[in-house]
């Protein structure tokens, strides 16, 4: 939806993912959208160089999130929020479902 405005479908995917999940790493985003890792990594690097995203290392994993000092962050979030409202309902629910902690051992389902 925002591909023409942002220049790449992968930039849109990354920003929407970051909006819904607050942070993420390249392989997680690539797996979620079932796409190649290399274009996602390239776009994450470009977004970090431009100041939209910041990254932090956790072991060997580089975790990205929105840069709180980015001057147009509020406007970017509102644009992405509006775009997310036009996404299909099943895509929204999978994006917003953010389970990262593992289940407790022997916990009943």
N, C-alpha and C. Protein backbone atom coordinates (compact mmCIF):
# COMPACT_ATOMS: atom_id res chain seq x y z
N UNK A 1 0.81 -1.19 0.00
CA UNK A 1 0.00 0.00 0.00
C UNK A 1 0.87 1.26 0.00
N UNK A 2 1.91 1.29 0.80
CA UNK A 2 2.81 2.44 0.88
C UNK A 2 4.09 2.22 0.07
N UNK A 3 4.10 1.16 -0.72
CA UNK A 3 5.30 0.79 -1.46
C UNK A 3 5.81 1.92 -2.34
N UNK A 4 4.93 2.58 -3.07
CA UNK A 4 5.37 3.64 -3.97
C UNK A 4 5.87 4.85 -3.20
N UNK A 5 5.27 5.11 -2.07
CA UNK A 5 5.68 6.26 -1.26
C UNK A 5 7.02 6.01 -0.58
N UNK A 6 7.21 4.80 -0.07
CA UNK A 6 8.43 4.47 0.66
C UNK A 6 9.55 3.95 -0.23
N UNK A 7 9.23 3.55 -1.45
CA UNK A 7 10.26 3.12 -2.39
C UNK A 7 10.47 1.62 -2.48
N UNK A 8 9.98 0.85 -1.52
CA UNK A 8 10.20 -0.59 -1.54
C UNK A 8 9.13 -1.27 -0.68
N UNK A 9 8.73 -2.44 -1.14
CA UNK A 9 7.77 -3.22 -0.36
C UNK A 9 8.40 -3.68 0.95
N UNK A 10 9.71 -3.92 0.94
CA UNK A 10 10.38 -4.38 2.16
C UNK A 10 10.44 -3.28 3.22
N UNK A 11 10.58 -2.04 2.82
CA UNK A 11 10.56 -0.94 3.78
C UNK A 11 9.19 -0.87 4.45
N UNK A 12 8.14 -1.01 3.65
CA UNK A 12 6.80 -1.01 4.22
C UNK A 12 6.62 -2.17 5.19
N UNK A 13 7.08 -3.34 4.81
CA UNK A 13 6.96 -4.51 5.68
C UNK A 13 7.69 -4.30 7.01
N UNK A 14 8.90 -3.77 6.92
CA UNK A 14 9.70 -3.54 8.13
C UNK A 14 9.02 -2.54 9.04
N UNK A 15 8.57 -1.43 8.49
CA UNK A 15 7.98 -0.37 9.31
C UNK A 15 6.66 -0.82 9.93
N UNK A 16 5.84 -1.55 9.19
CA UNK A 16 4.59 -2.07 9.74
C UNK A 16 4.89 -3.07 10.85
N UNK A 17 5.88 -3.93 10.63
CA UNK A 17 6.27 -4.90 11.65
C UNK A 17 6.73 -4.19 12.92
N UNK A 18 7.55 -3.15 12.76
CA UNK A 18 8.05 -2.39 13.90
C UNK A 18 6.92 -1.66 14.62
N UNK A 19 5.96 -1.18 13.87
CA UNK A 19 4.82 -0.51 14.48
C UNK A 19 4.04 -1.46 15.38
N UNK A 20 3.83 -2.67 14.90
CA UNK A 20 3.01 -3.63 15.65
C UNK A 20 3.77 -4.31 16.78
N UNK A 21 5.04 -4.60 16.57
CA UNK A 21 5.79 -5.39 17.54
C UNK A 21 6.81 -4.59 18.35
N UNK A 22 7.00 -3.31 18.02
CA UNK A 22 7.92 -2.41 18.72
C UNK A 22 9.39 -2.68 18.42
N UNK A 23 9.79 -3.92 18.21
CA UNK A 23 11.17 -4.22 17.84
C UNK A 23 11.22 -5.56 17.14
N UNK A 24 12.36 -5.84 16.53
CA UNK A 24 12.52 -7.11 15.83
C UNK A 24 13.89 -7.21 15.20
N UNK A 25 14.20 -8.38 14.71
CA UNK A 25 15.48 -8.60 14.05
C UNK A 25 15.21 -9.11 12.64
N UNK A 26 16.24 -9.07 11.81
CA UNK A 26 16.07 -9.29 10.38
C UNK A 26 15.47 -10.66 10.05
N UNK A 27 15.98 -11.70 10.64
CA UNK A 27 15.48 -13.03 10.32
C UNK A 27 14.02 -13.20 10.76
N UNK A 28 13.66 -12.61 11.89
CA UNK A 28 12.27 -12.67 12.36
C UNK A 28 11.33 -12.01 11.36
N UNK A 29 11.72 -10.87 10.84
CA UNK A 29 10.88 -10.15 9.87
C UNK A 29 10.80 -10.92 8.56
N UNK A 30 11.93 -11.45 8.11
CA UNK A 30 11.95 -12.22 6.86
C UNK A 30 11.09 -13.48 6.98
N UNK A 31 11.15 -14.15 8.11
CA UNK A 31 10.32 -15.34 8.32
C UNK A 31 8.84 -14.99 8.38
N UNK A 32 8.52 -13.89 9.04
CA UNK A 32 7.12 -13.51 9.16
C UNK A 32 6.50 -13.27 7.79
N UNK A 33 7.23 -12.58 6.92
CA UNK A 33 6.70 -12.26 5.59
C UNK A 33 7.07 -13.30 4.55
N UNK A 34 7.78 -14.37 4.96
CA UNK A 34 8.16 -15.45 4.06
C UNK A 34 8.92 -14.91 2.84
N UNK A 35 9.95 -14.13 3.11
CA UNK A 35 10.76 -13.52 2.06
C UNK A 35 12.24 -13.77 2.35
N UNK A 36 13.08 -13.36 1.42
CA UNK A 36 14.53 -13.55 1.58
C UNK A 36 15.08 -12.63 2.66
N UNK A 37 16.15 -13.06 3.27
CA UNK A 37 16.76 -12.32 4.37
C UNK A 37 17.57 -11.11 3.88
N UNK A 38 18.29 -11.26 2.81
CA UNK A 38 19.20 -10.22 2.33
C UNK A 38 18.52 -8.87 2.05
N UNK A 39 17.39 -8.82 1.33
CA UNK A 39 16.75 -7.52 1.11
C UNK A 39 16.25 -6.87 2.41
N UNK A 40 15.83 -7.69 3.35
CA UNK A 40 15.38 -7.15 4.64
C UNK A 40 16.56 -6.54 5.38
N UNK A 41 17.69 -7.23 5.38
CA UNK A 41 18.88 -6.70 6.04
C UNK A 41 19.34 -5.40 5.39
N UNK A 42 19.32 -5.35 4.06
CA UNK A 42 19.72 -4.13 3.36
C UNK A 42 18.83 -2.95 3.72
N UNK A 43 17.54 -3.17 3.76
CA UNK A 43 16.62 -2.08 4.08
C UNK A 43 16.74 -1.68 5.55
N UNK A 44 16.97 -2.63 6.44
CA UNK A 44 17.18 -2.29 7.84
C UNK A 44 18.42 -1.42 8.01
N UNK A 45 19.48 -1.74 7.27
CA UNK A 45 20.69 -0.92 7.33
C UNK A 45 20.43 0.48 6.82
N UNK A 46 19.68 0.61 5.72
CA UNK A 46 19.37 1.93 5.18
C UNK A 46 18.51 2.75 6.14
N UNK A 47 17.54 2.09 6.76
CA UNK A 47 16.68 2.79 7.71
C UNK A 47 17.46 3.21 8.95
N UNK A 48 18.43 2.42 9.34
CA UNK A 48 19.26 2.80 10.49
C UNK A 48 20.18 3.96 10.13
N UNK A 49 20.77 3.92 8.94
CA UNK A 49 21.64 5.02 8.49
C UNK A 49 20.89 6.33 8.37
N UNK A 50 19.62 6.26 7.98
CA UNK A 50 18.83 7.49 7.83
C UNK A 50 18.26 7.98 9.15
N UNK A 51 18.39 7.18 10.22
CA UNK A 51 17.96 7.63 11.53
C UNK A 51 16.55 7.24 11.93
N UNK A 52 15.87 6.49 11.09
CA UNK A 52 14.50 6.06 11.42
C UNK A 52 14.52 4.96 12.47
N UNK A 53 15.48 4.05 12.36
CA UNK A 53 15.60 2.94 13.30
C UNK A 53 16.93 3.02 14.04
N UNK A 54 16.96 2.41 15.19
CA UNK A 54 18.20 2.22 15.93
C UNK A 54 18.33 0.73 16.21
N UNK A 55 19.56 0.28 16.43
CA UNK A 55 19.76 -1.14 16.69
C UNK A 55 20.59 -1.33 17.94
N UNK A 56 20.45 -2.51 18.50
CA UNK A 56 21.18 -2.89 19.69
C UNK A 56 21.52 -4.37 19.57
N UNK A 57 22.73 -4.73 19.93
CA UNK A 57 23.14 -6.12 19.86
C UNK A 57 22.73 -6.88 21.11
N UNK A 58 22.14 -8.05 20.91
CA UNK A 58 21.84 -9.00 21.98
C UNK A 58 22.55 -10.29 21.60
N UNK A 59 23.75 -10.47 22.12
CA UNK A 59 24.57 -11.60 21.70
C UNK A 59 25.04 -11.36 20.28
N UNK A 60 24.65 -12.23 19.36
CA UNK A 60 25.00 -12.05 17.95
C UNK A 60 23.83 -11.49 17.14
N UNK A 61 22.71 -11.23 17.78
CA UNK A 61 21.52 -10.77 17.09
C UNK A 61 21.40 -9.26 17.21
N UNK A 62 21.21 -8.60 16.07
CA UNK A 62 21.01 -7.15 16.05
C UNK A 62 19.52 -6.88 16.04
N UNK A 63 19.04 -6.30 17.13
CA UNK A 63 17.62 -6.02 17.31
C UNK A 63 17.36 -4.56 16.96
N UNK A 64 16.35 -4.31 16.13
CA UNK A 64 16.02 -2.97 15.66
C UNK A 64 14.73 -2.48 16.31
N UNK A 65 14.64 -1.17 16.47
CA UNK A 65 13.41 -0.53 16.95
C UNK A 65 13.39 0.90 16.42
N UNK A 66 12.25 1.56 16.57
CA UNK A 66 12.14 2.95 16.13
C UNK A 66 13.07 3.82 16.95
N UNK A 67 13.66 4.80 16.30
CA UNK A 67 14.53 5.76 16.97
C UNK A 67 13.64 6.80 17.66
N UNK A 68 13.65 6.89 18.98
CA UNK A 68 12.78 7.85 19.67
C UNK A 68 13.16 9.30 19.39
N UNK A 69 14.35 9.53 18.88
CA UNK A 69 14.80 10.89 18.56
C UNK A 69 14.55 11.28 17.12
N UNK A 70 13.96 10.40 16.34
CA UNK A 70 13.65 10.71 14.95
C UNK A 70 12.60 11.82 14.93
N UNK A 71 12.86 12.94 14.22
CA UNK A 71 11.96 14.11 14.32
C UNK A 71 10.55 13.87 13.79
N UNK A 72 10.37 12.95 12.86
CA UNK A 72 9.05 12.72 12.28
C UNK A 72 8.44 11.40 12.74
N UNK A 73 8.84 10.93 13.90
CA UNK A 73 8.38 9.63 14.38
C UNK A 73 6.87 9.60 14.60
N UNK A 74 6.35 10.62 15.20
CA UNK A 74 4.91 10.66 15.47
C UNK A 74 4.11 10.66 14.16
N UNK A 75 4.56 11.42 13.18
CA UNK A 75 3.88 11.47 11.89
C UNK A 75 4.00 10.15 11.15
N UNK A 76 5.19 9.54 11.23
CA UNK A 76 5.40 8.25 10.58
C UNK A 76 4.51 7.18 11.21
N UNK A 77 4.42 7.18 12.52
CA UNK A 77 3.56 6.21 13.21
C UNK A 77 2.09 6.40 12.83
N UNK A 78 1.64 7.64 12.72
CA UNK A 78 0.24 7.86 12.36
C UNK A 78 -0.03 7.44 10.92
N UNK A 79 0.94 7.65 10.01
CA UNK A 79 0.79 7.19 8.63
C UNK A 79 0.74 5.67 8.58
N UNK A 80 1.61 5.01 9.32
CA UNK A 80 1.62 3.55 9.35
C UNK A 80 0.37 2.99 10.01
N UNK A 81 -0.12 3.67 11.03
CA UNK A 81 -1.37 3.27 11.69
C UNK A 81 -2.53 3.30 10.70
N UNK A 82 -2.59 4.36 9.92
CA UNK A 82 -3.65 4.50 8.93
C UNK A 82 -3.54 3.41 7.87
N UNK A 83 -2.32 3.12 7.42
CA UNK A 83 -2.11 2.07 6.43
C UNK A 83 -2.48 0.71 7.01
N UNK A 84 -2.16 0.48 8.27
CA UNK A 84 -2.48 -0.79 8.92
C UNK A 84 -3.99 -1.01 9.01
N UNK A 85 -4.73 0.06 9.13
CA UNK A 85 -6.18 -0.08 9.22
C UNK A 85 -6.80 -0.62 7.93
N UNK A 86 -6.09 -0.53 6.81
CA UNK A 86 -6.59 -1.05 5.54
C UNK A 86 -6.07 -2.46 5.23
N UNK A 87 -5.24 -3.01 6.10
CA UNK A 87 -4.74 -4.37 5.90
C UNK A 87 -5.87 -5.37 6.16
N UNK A 88 -5.79 -6.56 5.56
CA UNK A 88 -6.79 -7.59 5.84
C UNK A 88 -6.77 -7.98 7.32
N UNK A 89 -7.90 -8.36 7.82
CA UNK A 89 -8.07 -8.64 9.26
C UNK A 89 -7.14 -9.75 9.75
N UNK A 90 -6.96 -10.82 8.96
CA UNK A 90 -6.10 -11.92 9.41
C UNK A 90 -4.63 -11.48 9.47
N UNK A 91 -4.22 -10.58 8.59
CA UNK A 91 -2.85 -10.07 8.62
C UNK A 91 -2.65 -9.20 9.86
N UNK A 92 -3.63 -8.38 10.19
CA UNK A 92 -3.54 -7.54 11.39
C UNK A 92 -3.43 -8.38 12.65
N UNK A 93 -4.22 -9.43 12.74
CA UNK A 93 -4.19 -10.25 13.95
C UNK A 93 -2.86 -10.97 14.09
N UNK A 94 -2.29 -11.46 12.99
CA UNK A 94 -0.99 -12.13 13.09
C UNK A 94 0.12 -11.14 13.40
N UNK A 95 0.01 -9.93 12.90
CA UNK A 95 1.00 -8.90 13.22
C UNK A 95 0.93 -8.50 14.68
N UNK A 96 -0.26 -8.36 15.20
CA UNK A 96 -0.43 -7.87 16.56
C UNK A 96 -0.25 -8.98 17.61
N UNK A 97 -0.32 -10.24 17.18
CA UNK A 97 -0.10 -11.35 18.10
C UNK A 97 1.39 -11.49 18.31
N UNK A 98 1.86 -11.15 19.49
CA UNK A 98 3.30 -11.06 19.73
C UNK A 98 3.69 -11.93 20.91
N UNK A 99 3.78 -13.21 20.68
CA UNK A 99 4.17 -14.13 21.74
C UNK A 99 5.64 -14.45 21.58
N UNK A 100 6.45 -14.02 22.52
CA UNK A 100 7.89 -14.24 22.43
C UNK A 100 8.42 -15.09 23.57
N UNK A 101 7.77 -15.08 24.70
CA UNK A 101 8.26 -15.89 25.81
C UNK A 101 7.86 -17.33 25.61
N UNK A 102 8.72 -18.27 25.95
CA UNK A 102 8.35 -19.68 25.83
C UNK A 102 7.37 -20.08 26.92
N UNK A 103 6.65 -21.13 26.66
CA UNK A 103 5.71 -21.64 27.66
C UNK A 103 6.46 -22.27 28.82
N UNK A 104 5.83 -22.21 29.99
CA UNK A 104 6.39 -22.85 31.16
C UNK A 104 6.37 -24.36 30.93
N UNK A 105 7.39 -25.03 31.39
CA UNK A 105 7.49 -26.47 31.19
C UNK A 105 6.35 -27.19 31.89
N UNK A 106 5.78 -28.17 31.23
CA UNK A 106 4.68 -29.00 31.72
C UNK A 106 3.40 -28.21 31.98
N UNK A 107 3.28 -27.04 31.41
CA UNK A 107 2.06 -26.25 31.57
C UNK A 107 0.97 -26.86 30.68
N UNK A 108 -0.23 -27.08 31.22
CA UNK A 108 -1.29 -27.67 30.40
C UNK A 108 -1.76 -26.68 29.35
N UNK A 109 -2.13 -27.23 28.20
CA UNK A 109 -2.63 -26.38 27.12
C UNK A 109 -4.05 -26.06 27.42
